[in-house]
Structure formats: structure tokens, C-alpha cells
Amino acid sequence: MTKKLYHDDSYLQTFSARIIEHDIENHGILLDQTAFYPGGGGQPNDRGHIVTPSGSIPIHKVKTIKGEIVHFLPAENPLPDIGISLECVLDWNFRYQLMRTHTAMHILCGTIFRDYGASVTGGNMTPMQGRMDFEFSSLQKDLVKVIEDAVNTEIENSLQVSWRTIPRDEAFKIPDLIRTKINLLPEQITEVRVVEIKGLDLQADGGTHVKNTSEVGRVRINDYKSKGRENKRIYLEIFD
């Protein structure tokens, strides 16, 4: 099992790792540890490169397959030998923008849940942009600016962001921890990683975040759409 370095330190930009297995079907490698986030929860996978004895190889796709994190290599690059050690480098600008975006989405989620009691039904993000779907029948145009101002207020409040892992049974005793409308945690998951924005939000989440809301930057809600009588979609962007 690969050690998930991104769960402990989302600011890790370089790391050393050893190849423990090949994934021949996907032309990929498994490492003993990785800081490359494999994607999930609406957050795209990280990208970067690895440095082998024969040179540098780009990594553009990382994915969890059957419980294992696979780092895909370009077809033209032979798979490096099992057992060798690598230096691995993340595309830090790409990662950090996603960290800022992910935290912004949690601020949006926490603010709407606190002020309107609306549950999340879905979401997705790219660097500095995201969208979230809510069960929010009362959302009207006049509320959009109110929500945007509330989100930016929490950013300016410089709230601490932290994460930790707790047993599954303990997690389900925390009211409203699972903010999605449908519980997406498979039964085989025995421990749950939670991300907390102090005084605002506490959610089960496996992605990467900044340590303080002040790192996010200003947020603009640039659109919203009705996806049905109950469901509304909010689009946001981040700017410096």
C-alpha cells in the first residue's frame, strides 16, 4: 500500500520514492509513497515529473485503480525497474491553485450550510475555478451577492484550516460531517479523513487544502443556474 504523503503535508513539492510494482496494462508504476494526489472528490489529479537514472519522465495522469495509486507514464517511455529510487517533483503552481480552489469551495459549502442549511449534491473544480450543486430551492439572484460577500468575509477572517484522520464509527457520530446529499463513503473505508475550517466547516474529505483561508484570494460567484426545482448550481472563480 502506497503511503499517501499528500494527506499529511499538502505543501510537499518534491519527495523521494521507490518503485514497488508495475501496472503493465496502464503503463504505470506504483510507489512506496507519493505526494501526487490521484484525483477524487471533484479535485483533478496532480501532475509533474519523476527523475530516473535515465532521465526525467513527465507524469500527467495519476489514478487510484483497485485501491492502488498508479502513476501513468507516457507510452514512449519504458517502465523503470522495480526497486529503484526516484526523485519526484510536483507541478507546484497547478497543485497550489487547486488547493486554493478546494478550500474556497469548502468555504462556500460551509457558509451556505450555516446560513441556509443547504446540502451539497455535487461539485467539480479546475485551477482557480469551481462549481458546486446544492439542494437549495430558495436560491434566487438577490442571494448570490450576499453569499459571495459572506464567503469573502470568511477568507478575510484568516481562519485556520486543518485535517486529521479518525475512525469511521467516530466520524459518523459527528453531526453533518458528511455534507453530500448521498453518503459516498464505501463500507470498506475504516478511517475517515476530515478537513476543518475553524469555526465554519467540518467535512469528510480526502483532497488537498491551504492552511489558512487568507491564502485563497478573493472569490467571485460568476454564475448560478437552476438544475431543477430543488437543485441549484453555483459557479465561482478565484482572483488575486
C-alpha atoms as a PDB file:
ATOM      1  CA  MET A   1       0.000   0.000   0.000  1.00  0.00           C
ATOM      2  CA  THR A   2       1.390   3.371  -1.034  1.00  0.00           C
ATOM      3  CA  LYS A   3       1.871   5.902   1.756  1.00  0.00           C
ATOM      4  CA  LYS A   4      -0.203   8.997   0.947  1.00  0.00           C
ATOM      5  CA  LEU A   5       2.143  11.872   1.700  1.00  0.00           C
ATOM      6  CA  TYR A   6      -0.410  14.421   0.436  1.00  0.00           C
ATOM      7  CA  HIS A   7      -2.703  13.512   3.331  1.00  0.00           C
ATOM      8  CA  ASP A   8      -0.135  14.705   5.868  1.00  0.00           C
ATOM      9  CA  ASP A   9       1.603  17.571   4.054  1.00  0.00           C
ATOM     10  CA  SER A  10      -0.231  19.225   1.165  1.00  0.00           C
ATOM     11  CA  TYR A  11       2.702  21.662   0.735  1.00  0.00           C
ATOM     12  CA  LEU A  12       5.227  18.940  -0.159  1.00  0.00           C
ATOM     13  CA  GLN A  13       6.605  19.788  -3.602  1.00  0.00           C
ATOM     14  CA  THR A  14       9.368  17.179  -4.009  1.00  0.00           C
ATOM     15  CA  PHE A  15       9.899  13.752  -2.495  1.00  0.00           C
ATOM     16  CA  SER A  16      11.857  10.533  -2.916  1.00  0.00           C
ATOM     17  CA  ALA A  17      10.126   7.225  -3.568  1.00  0.00           C
ATOM     18  CA  ARG A  18      10.880   3.650  -4.601  1.00  0.00           C
ATOM     19  CA  ILE A  19       9.098   1.727  -7.369  1.00  0.00           C
ATOM     20  CA  ILE A  20       7.335  -1.258  -5.794  1.00  0.00           C
ATOM     21  CA  GLU A  21       5.289  -2.575  -8.731  1.00  0.00           C
ATOM     22  CA  HIS A  22       4.479  -2.154 -12.418  1.00  0.00           C
ATOM     23  CA  ASP A  23       0.971  -1.762 -13.832  1.00  0.00           C
ATOM     24  CA  ILE A  24       1.585  -3.200 -17.290  1.00  0.00           C
ATOM     25  CA  GLU A  25      -1.996  -2.718 -18.520  1.00  0.00           C
ATOM     26  CA  ASN A  26      -1.921   1.034 -17.833  1.00  0.00           C
ATOM     27  CA  HIS A  27       1.813   1.505 -18.463  1.00  0.00           C
ATOM     28  CA  GLY A  28       2.269   2.857 -14.968  1.00  0.00           C
ATOM     29  CA  ILE A  29       4.216   2.448 -11.763  1.00  0.00           C
ATOM     30  CA  LEU A  30       3.301   2.080  -8.096  1.00  0.00           C
ATOM     31  CA  LEU A  31       5.482   3.801  -5.495  1.00  0.00           C
ATOM     32  CA  ASP A  32       6.085   3.085  -1.820  1.00  0.00           C
ATOM     33  CA  GLN A  33       4.973   6.662  -1.092  1.00  0.00           C
ATOM     34  CA  THR A  34       3.605   9.563  -3.111  1.00  0.00           C
ATOM     35  CA  ALA A  35       2.664  13.215  -2.853  1.00  0.00           C
ATOM     36  CA  PHE A  36       0.816  13.052  -6.198  1.00  0.00           C
ATOM     37  CA  TYR A  37      -2.912  13.340  -5.473  1.00  0.00           C
ATOM     38  CA  PRO A  38      -4.697  10.727  -7.643  1.00  0.00           C
ATOM     39  CA  GLY A  39      -7.877  12.746  -8.111  1.00  0.00           C
ATOM     40  CA  GLY A  40     -11.251  12.358  -6.453  1.00  0.00           C
ATOM     41  CA  GLY A  41     -13.995  14.367  -4.794  1.00  0.00           C
ATOM     42  CA  GLY A  42     -14.070  16.739  -7.752  1.00  0.00           C
ATOM     43  CA  GLN A  43     -10.352  17.556  -7.475  1.00  0.00           C
ATOM     44  CA  PRO A  44      -8.205  16.650 -10.520  1.00  0.00           C
ATOM     45  CA  ASN A  45      -5.074  14.553 -10.167  1.00  0.00           C
ATOM     46  CA  ASP A  46      -1.695  16.171  -9.700  1.00  0.00           C
ATOM     47  CA  ARG A  47       0.906  16.309 -12.421  1.00  0.00           C
ATOM     48  CA  GLY A  48       4.673  16.799 -12.529  1.00  0.00           C
ATOM     49  CA  HIS A  49       7.625  14.571 -13.327  1.00  0.00           C
ATOM     50  CA  ILE A  50       9.889  11.858 -11.970  1.00  0.00           C
ATOM     51  CA  VAL A  51      13.670  11.702 -12.300  1.00  0.00           C
ATOM     52  CA  THR A  52      15.097   8.269 -13.110  1.00  0.00           C
ATOM     53  CA  PRO A  53      18.708   7.210 -13.737  1.00  0.00           C
ATOM     54  CA  SER A  54      17.995   7.555 -17.470  1.00  0.00           C
ATOM     55  CA  GLY A  55      16.360  10.969 -17.279  1.00  0.00           C
ATOM     56  CA  SER A  56      13.182  12.894 -16.458  1.00  0.00           C
ATOM     57  CA  ILE A  57       9.731  11.481 -17.279  1.00  0.00           C
ATOM     58  CA  PRO A  58       6.544  13.586 -17.206  1.00  0.00           C
ATOM     59  CA  ILE A  59       3.584  12.471 -15.092  1.00  0.00           C
ATOM     60  CA  HIS A  60       0.269  13.829 -16.334  1.00  0.00           C
ATOM     61  CA  LYS A  61      -2.109  11.190 -15.009  1.00  0.00           C
ATOM     62  CA  VAL A  62      -2.348   9.601 -11.557  1.00  0.00           C
ATOM     63  CA  LYS A  63      -5.326   7.434 -10.651  1.00  0.00           C
ATOM     64  CA  THR A  64      -6.497   5.040  -7.970  1.00  0.00           C
ATOM     65  CA  ILE A  65      -7.188   1.660  -9.567  1.00  0.00           C
ATOM     66  CA  LYS A  66      -8.459  -1.217  -7.421  1.00  0.00           C
ATOM     67  CA  GLY A  67      -7.228   0.572  -4.311  1.00  0.00           C
ATOM     68  CA  GLU A  68      -3.729   1.242  -5.654  1.00  0.00           C
ATOM     69  CA  ILE A  69      -2.314   4.600  -6.802  1.00  0.00           C
ATOM     70  CA  VAL A  70      -0.978   4.259 -10.336  1.00  0.00           C
ATOM     71  CA  HIS A  71       1.342   6.863 -11.864  1.00  0.00           C
ATOM     72  CA  PHE A  72       0.889   6.688 -15.642  1.00  0.00           C
ATOM     73  CA  LEU A  73       3.977   7.066 -17.843  1.00  0.00           C
ATOM     74  CA  PRO A  74       3.969   8.175 -21.499  1.00  0.00           C
ATOM     75  CA  ALA A  75       3.831   5.213 -23.878  1.00  0.00           C
ATOM     76  CA  GLU A  76       7.206   6.106 -25.379  1.00  0.00           C
ATOM     77  CA  ASN A  77       8.981   5.805 -22.004  1.00  0.00           C
ATOM     78  CA  PRO A  78       9.936   2.287 -20.824  1.00  0.00           C
ATOM     79  CA  LEU A  79       8.847   1.445 -17.285  1.00  0.00           C
ATOM     80  CA  PRO A  80      11.795   1.963 -14.890  1.00  0.00           C
ATOM     81  CA  ASP A  81      12.931  -1.105 -12.974  1.00  0.00           C
ATOM     82  CA  ILE A  82      11.120  -2.196  -9.831  1.00  0.00           C
ATOM     83  CA  GLY A  83      13.154  -1.371  -6.728  1.00  0.00           C
ATOM     84  CA  ILE A  84      14.909   1.743  -7.984  1.00  0.00           C
ATOM     85  CA  SER A  85      14.566   5.057  -6.166  1.00  0.00           C
ATOM     86  CA  LEU A  86      13.226   8.169  -7.843  1.00  0.00           C
ATOM     87  CA  GLU A  87      13.105  11.866  -7.223  1.00  0.00           C
ATOM     88  CA  CYS A  88       9.558  13.115  -7.800  1.00  0.00           C
ATOM     89  CA  VAL A  89       8.541  16.719  -8.467  1.00  0.00           C
ATOM     90  CA  LEU A  90       5.018  18.129  -8.456  1.00  0.00           C
ATOM     91  CA  ASP A  91       3.805  20.867 -10.767  1.00  0.00           C
ATOM     92  CA  TRP A  92       3.504  23.177  -7.765  1.00  0.00           C
ATOM     93  CA  ASN A  93       1.677  26.058  -9.426  1.00  0.00           C
ATOM     94  CA  PHE A  94      -1.033  23.662 -10.643  1.00  0.00           C
ATOM     95  CA  ARG A  95      -1.306  21.973  -7.218  1.00  0.00           C
ATOM     96  CA  TYR A  96      -1.351  25.182  -5.197  1.00  0.00           C
ATOM     97  CA  GLN A  97      -4.064  26.695  -7.366  1.00  0.00           C
ATOM     98  CA  LEU A  98      -6.145  23.569  -6.800  1.00  0.00           C
ATOM     99  CA  MET A  99      -5.524  23.784  -3.039  1.00  0.00           C
ATOM    100  CA  ARG A 100      -6.785  27.357  -3.020  1.00  0.00           C
ATOM    101  CA  THR A 101      -9.793  26.401  -5.127  1.00  0.00           C
ATOM    102  CA  HIS A 102     -10.681  23.375  -2.996  1.00  0.00           C
ATOM    103  CA  THR A 103     -10.571  25.398   0.203  1.00  0.00           C
ATOM    104  CA  ALA A 104     -12.688  28.120  -1.423  1.00  0.00           C
ATOM    105  CA  MET A 105     -15.314  25.515  -2.241  1.00  0.00           C
ATOM    106  CA  HIS A 106     -15.351  24.340   1.368  1.00  0.00           C
ATOM    107  CA  ILE A 107     -15.805  27.948   2.498  1.00  0.00           C
ATOM    108  CA  LEU A 108     -18.733  28.265   0.085  1.00  0.00           C
ATOM    109  CA  CYS A 109     -20.185  24.983   1.281  1.00  0.00           C
ATOM    110  CA  GLY A 110     -19.755  25.870   4.949  1.00  0.00           C
ATOM    111  CA  THR A 111     -21.236  29.327   4.515  1.00  0.00           C
ATOM    112  CA  ILE A 112     -24.320  28.067   2.656  1.00  0.00           C
ATOM    113  CA  PHE A 113     -24.834  25.200   5.102  1.00  0.00           C
ATOM    114  CA  ARG A 114     -24.522  27.563   8.078  1.00  0.00           C
ATOM    115  CA  ASP A 115     -26.771  30.290   6.688  1.00  0.00           C
ATOM    116  CA  TYR A 116     -29.318  28.289   4.685  1.00  0.00           C
ATOM    117  CA  GLY A 117     -28.976  24.623   5.712  1.00  0.00           C
ATOM    118  CA  ALA A 118     -28.471  23.530   2.093  1.00  0.00           C
ATOM    119  CA  SER A 119     -26.731  20.216   1.396  1.00  0.00           C
ATOM    120  CA  VAL A 120     -24.211  19.638  -1.394  1.00  0.00           C
ATOM    121  CA  THR A 121     -25.252  17.325  -4.223  1.00  0.00           C
ATOM    122  CA  GLY A 122     -22.096  17.526  -6.353  1.00  0.00           C
ATOM    123  CA  GLY A 123     -19.103  19.570  -7.388  1.00  0.00           C
ATOM    124  CA  ASN A 124     -16.083  19.864  -9.630  1.00  0.00           C
ATOM    125  CA  MET A 125     -13.045  22.123  -9.977  1.00  0.00           C
ATOM    126  CA  THR A 126     -10.191  23.236 -12.175  1.00  0.00           C
ATOM    127  CA  PRO A 127      -7.386  25.562 -11.039  1.00  0.00           C
ATOM    128  CA  MET A 128      -8.964  28.805  -9.765  1.00  0.00           C
ATOM    129  CA  GLN A 129     -12.498  27.831 -10.835  1.00  0.00           C
ATOM    130  CA  GLY A 130     -15.168  25.525  -9.474  1.00  0.00           C
ATOM    131  CA  ARG A 131     -18.834  24.723  -9.358  1.00  0.00           C
ATOM    132  CA  MET A 132     -20.987  23.258  -6.607  1.00  0.00           C
ATOM    133  CA  ASP A 133     -24.511  21.892  -6.709  1.00  0.00           C
ATOM    134  CA  PHE A 134     -26.816  22.370  -3.728  1.00  0.00           C
ATOM    135  CA  GLU A 135     -30.250  21.252  -2.668  1.00  0.00           C
ATOM    136  CA  PHE A 136     -31.222  24.901  -2.379  1.00  0.00           C
ATOM    137  CA  SER A 137     -34.750  25.624  -3.593  1.00  0.00           C
ATOM    138  CA  SER A 138     -34.792  29.179  -2.180  1.00  0.00           C
ATOM    139  CA  LEU A 139     -31.689  30.380  -4.050  1.00  0.00           C
ATOM    140  CA  GLN A 140     -32.554  33.474  -6.067  1.00  0.00           C
ATOM    141  CA  LYS A 141     -30.454  36.069  -7.870  1.00  0.00           C
ATOM    142  CA  ASP A 142     -30.598  38.528  -4.967  1.00  0.00           C
ATOM    143  CA  LEU A 143     -28.913  35.991  -2.673  1.00  0.00           C
ATOM    144  CA  VAL A 144     -25.881  35.444  -4.914  1.00  0.00           C
ATOM    145  CA  LYS A 145     -24.136  38.677  -3.924  1.00  0.00           C
ATOM    146  CA  VAL A 146     -24.976  38.066  -0.256  1.00  0.00           C
ATOM    147  CA  ILE A 147     -23.345  34.627  -0.438  1.00  0.00           C
ATOM    148  CA  GLU A 148     -20.302  35.971  -2.293  1.00  0.00           C
ATOM    149  CA  ASP A 149     -19.765  38.658   0.355  1.00  0.00           C
ATOM    150  CA  ALA A 150     -20.140  36.095   3.160  1.00  0.00           C
ATOM    151  CA  VAL A 151     -17.531  33.827   1.548  1.00  0.00           C
ATOM    152  CA  ASN A 152     -15.051  36.689   1.133  1.00  0.00           C
ATOM    153  CA  THR A 153     -15.615  37.716   4.741  1.00  0.00           C
ATOM    154  CA  GLU A 154     -14.563  34.243   5.919  1.00  0.00           C
ATOM    155  CA  ILE A 155     -11.498  34.425   3.674  1.00  0.00           C
ATOM    156  CA  GLU A 156     -10.557  37.773   5.222  1.00  0.00           C
ATOM    157  CA  ASN A 157     -11.111  36.331   8.708  1.00  0.00           C
ATOM    158  CA  SER A 158      -7.947  34.220   8.177  1.00  0.00           C
ATOM    159  CA  LEU A 159      -9.460  31.038   9.576  1.00  0.00           C
ATOM    160  CA  GLN A 160      -7.170  28.097  10.277  1.00  0.00           C
ATOM    161  CA  VAL A 161      -7.620  25.041   8.039  1.00  0.00           C
ATOM    162  CA  SER A 162      -6.551  21.655   9.403  1.00  0.00           C
ATOM    163  CA  TRP A 163      -7.019  17.958   8.649  1.00  0.00           C
ATOM    164  CA  ARG A 164      -6.866  14.705  10.570  1.00  0.00           C
ATOM    165  CA  THR A 165      -7.921  11.054  10.264  1.00  0.00           C
ATOM    166  CA  ILE A 166     -10.463   9.476  12.608  1.00  0.00           C
ATOM    167  CA  PRO A 167     -12.133   6.026  12.859  1.00  0.00           C
ATOM    168  CA  ARG A 168     -15.210   5.579  10.668  1.00  0.00           C
ATOM    169  CA  ASP A 169     -17.524   4.927  13.638  1.00  0.00           C
ATOM    170  CA  GLU A 170     -16.370   8.137  15.304  1.00  0.00           C
ATOM    171  CA  ALA A 171     -16.841  10.095  12.083  1.00  0.00           C
ATOM    172  CA  PHE A 172     -20.473   9.096  11.720  1.00  0.00           C
ATOM    173  CA  LYS A 173     -21.181  10.332  15.245  1.00  0.00           C
ATOM    174  CA  ILE A 174     -20.279  13.890  14.212  1.00  0.00           C
ATOM    175  CA  PRO A 175     -23.442  15.747  13.135  1.00  0.00           C
ATOM    176  CA  ASP A 176     -23.456  16.866   9.494  1.00  0.00           C
ATOM    177  CA  LEU A 177     -19.902  15.626   8.819  1.00  0.00           C
ATOM    178  CA  ILE A 178     -20.985  14.000   5.566  1.00  0.00           C
ATOM    179  CA  ARG A 179     -22.190  17.107   3.716  1.00  0.00           C
ATOM    180  CA  THR A 180     -23.069  15.466   0.432  1.00  0.00           C
ATOM    181  CA  LYS A 181     -26.729  14.605  -0.008  1.00  0.00           C
ATOM    182  CA  ILE A 182     -25.763  10.963  -0.505  1.00  0.00           C
ATOM    183  CA  ASN A 183     -23.176   9.213   1.671  1.00  0.00           C
ATOM    184  CA  LEU A 184     -20.339   8.417  -0.733  1.00  0.00           C
ATOM    185  CA  LEU A 185     -18.073   6.565   1.718  1.00  0.00           C
ATOM    186  CA  PRO A 186     -17.689   2.883   0.752  1.00  0.00           C
ATOM    187  CA  GLU A 187     -18.186   0.363   3.537  1.00  0.00           C
ATOM    188  CA  GLN A 188     -14.575  -0.849   3.310  1.00  0.00           C
ATOM    189  CA  ILE A 189     -13.224   2.526   4.425  1.00  0.00           C
ATOM    190  CA  THR A 190     -12.441   2.123   8.131  1.00  0.00           C
ATOM    191  CA  GLU A 191     -10.858   5.544   8.687  1.00  0.00           C
ATOM    192  CA  VAL A 192     -12.139   8.914   7.547  1.00  0.00           C
ATOM    193  CA  ARG A 193     -10.021  11.983   6.835  1.00  0.00           C
ATOM    194  CA  VAL A 194     -11.734  15.183   7.915  1.00  0.00           C
ATOM    195  CA  VAL A 195     -10.917  18.759   6.926  1.00  0.00           C
ATOM    196  CA  GLU A 196     -11.861  21.555   9.301  1.00  0.00           C
ATOM    197  CA  ILE A 197     -12.113  25.293   8.716  1.00  0.00           C
ATOM    198  CA  LYS A 198     -12.079  26.569  12.263  1.00  0.00           C
ATOM    199  CA  GLY A 199     -15.457  27.843  13.355  1.00  0.00           C
ATOM    200  CA  LEU A 200     -17.042  27.395   9.929  1.00  0.00           C
ATOM    201  CA  ASP A 201     -16.861  23.943   8.373  1.00  0.00           C
ATOM    202  CA  LEU A 202     -16.018  20.307   9.152  1.00  0.00           C
ATOM    203  CA  GLN A 203     -16.271  17.741   6.362  1.00  0.00           C
ATOM    204  CA  ALA A 204     -15.075  14.306   5.359  1.00  0.00           C
ATOM    205  CA  ASP A 205     -12.603  14.992   2.552  1.00  0.00           C
ATOM    206  CA  GLY A 206      -9.536  13.362   1.007  1.00  0.00           C
ATOM    207  CA  GLY A 207      -8.198  16.281  -1.044  1.00  0.00           C
ATOM    208  CA  THR A 208      -5.536  18.929  -0.535  1.00  0.00           C
ATOM    209  CA  HIS A 209      -6.081  22.353   1.042  1.00  0.00           C
ATOM    210  CA  VAL A 210      -4.284  25.504   2.127  1.00  0.00           C
ATOM    211  CA  LYS A 211      -3.650  26.017   5.856  1.00  0.00           C
ATOM    212  CA  ASN A 212      -5.454  29.341   6.172  1.00  0.00           C
ATOM    213  CA  THR A 213      -8.415  30.856   4.374  1.00  0.00           C
ATOM    214  CA  SER A 214      -6.391  34.021   3.728  1.00  0.00           C
ATOM    215  CA  GLU A 215      -4.354  32.057   1.147  1.00  0.00           C
ATOM    216  CA  VAL A 216      -7.408  31.582  -1.073  1.00  0.00           C
ATOM    217  CA  GLY A 217      -7.643  35.103  -2.509  1.00  0.00           C
ATOM    218  CA  ARG A 218     -10.843  36.896  -3.473  1.00  0.00           C
ATOM    219  CA  VAL A 219     -13.786  34.841  -4.710  1.00  0.00           C
ATOM    220  CA  ARG A 220     -16.351  35.878  -7.284  1.00  0.00           C
ATOM    221  CA  ILE A 221     -19.574  33.981  -7.934  1.00  0.00           C
ATOM    222  CA  ASN A 222     -19.788  34.484 -11.669  1.00  0.00           C
ATOM    223  CA  ASP A 223     -22.923  32.474 -12.412  1.00  0.00           C
ATOM    224  CA  TYR A 224     -25.654  30.311 -10.972  1.00  0.00           C
ATOM    225  CA  LYS A 225     -28.158  28.015 -12.651  1.00  0.00           C
ATOM    226  CA  SER A 226     -31.262  26.121 -11.713  1.00  0.00           C
ATOM    227  CA  LYS A 227     -30.841  22.389 -12.252  1.00  0.00           C
ATOM    228  CA  GLY A 228     -34.404  21.660 -11.161  1.00  0.00           C
ATOM    229  CA  ARG A 229     -36.880  22.853  -8.560  1.00  0.00           C
ATOM    230  CA  GLU A 230     -34.641  21.833  -5.665  1.00  0.00           C
ATOM    231  CA  ASN A 231     -31.134  21.818  -7.156  1.00  0.00           C
ATOM    232  CA  LYS A 232     -29.067  24.923  -7.886  1.00  0.00           C
ATOM    233  CA  ARG A 233     -25.548  25.174  -9.319  1.00  0.00           C
ATOM    234  CA  ILE A 234     -23.131  27.897  -8.231  1.00  0.00           C
ATOM    235  CA  TYR A 235     -20.008  28.769 -10.238  1.00  0.00           C
ATOM    236  CA  LEU A 236     -17.088  30.540  -8.590  1.00  0.00           C
ATOM    237  CA  GLU A 237     -13.699  31.824  -9.596  1.00  0.00           C
ATOM    238  CA  ILE A 238     -10.705  32.977  -7.592  1.00  0.00           C
ATOM    239  CA  PHE A 239      -8.622  36.012  -8.394  1.00  0.00           C
ATOM    240  CA  ASP A 240      -5.654  37.615  -6.640  1.00  0.00           C
END
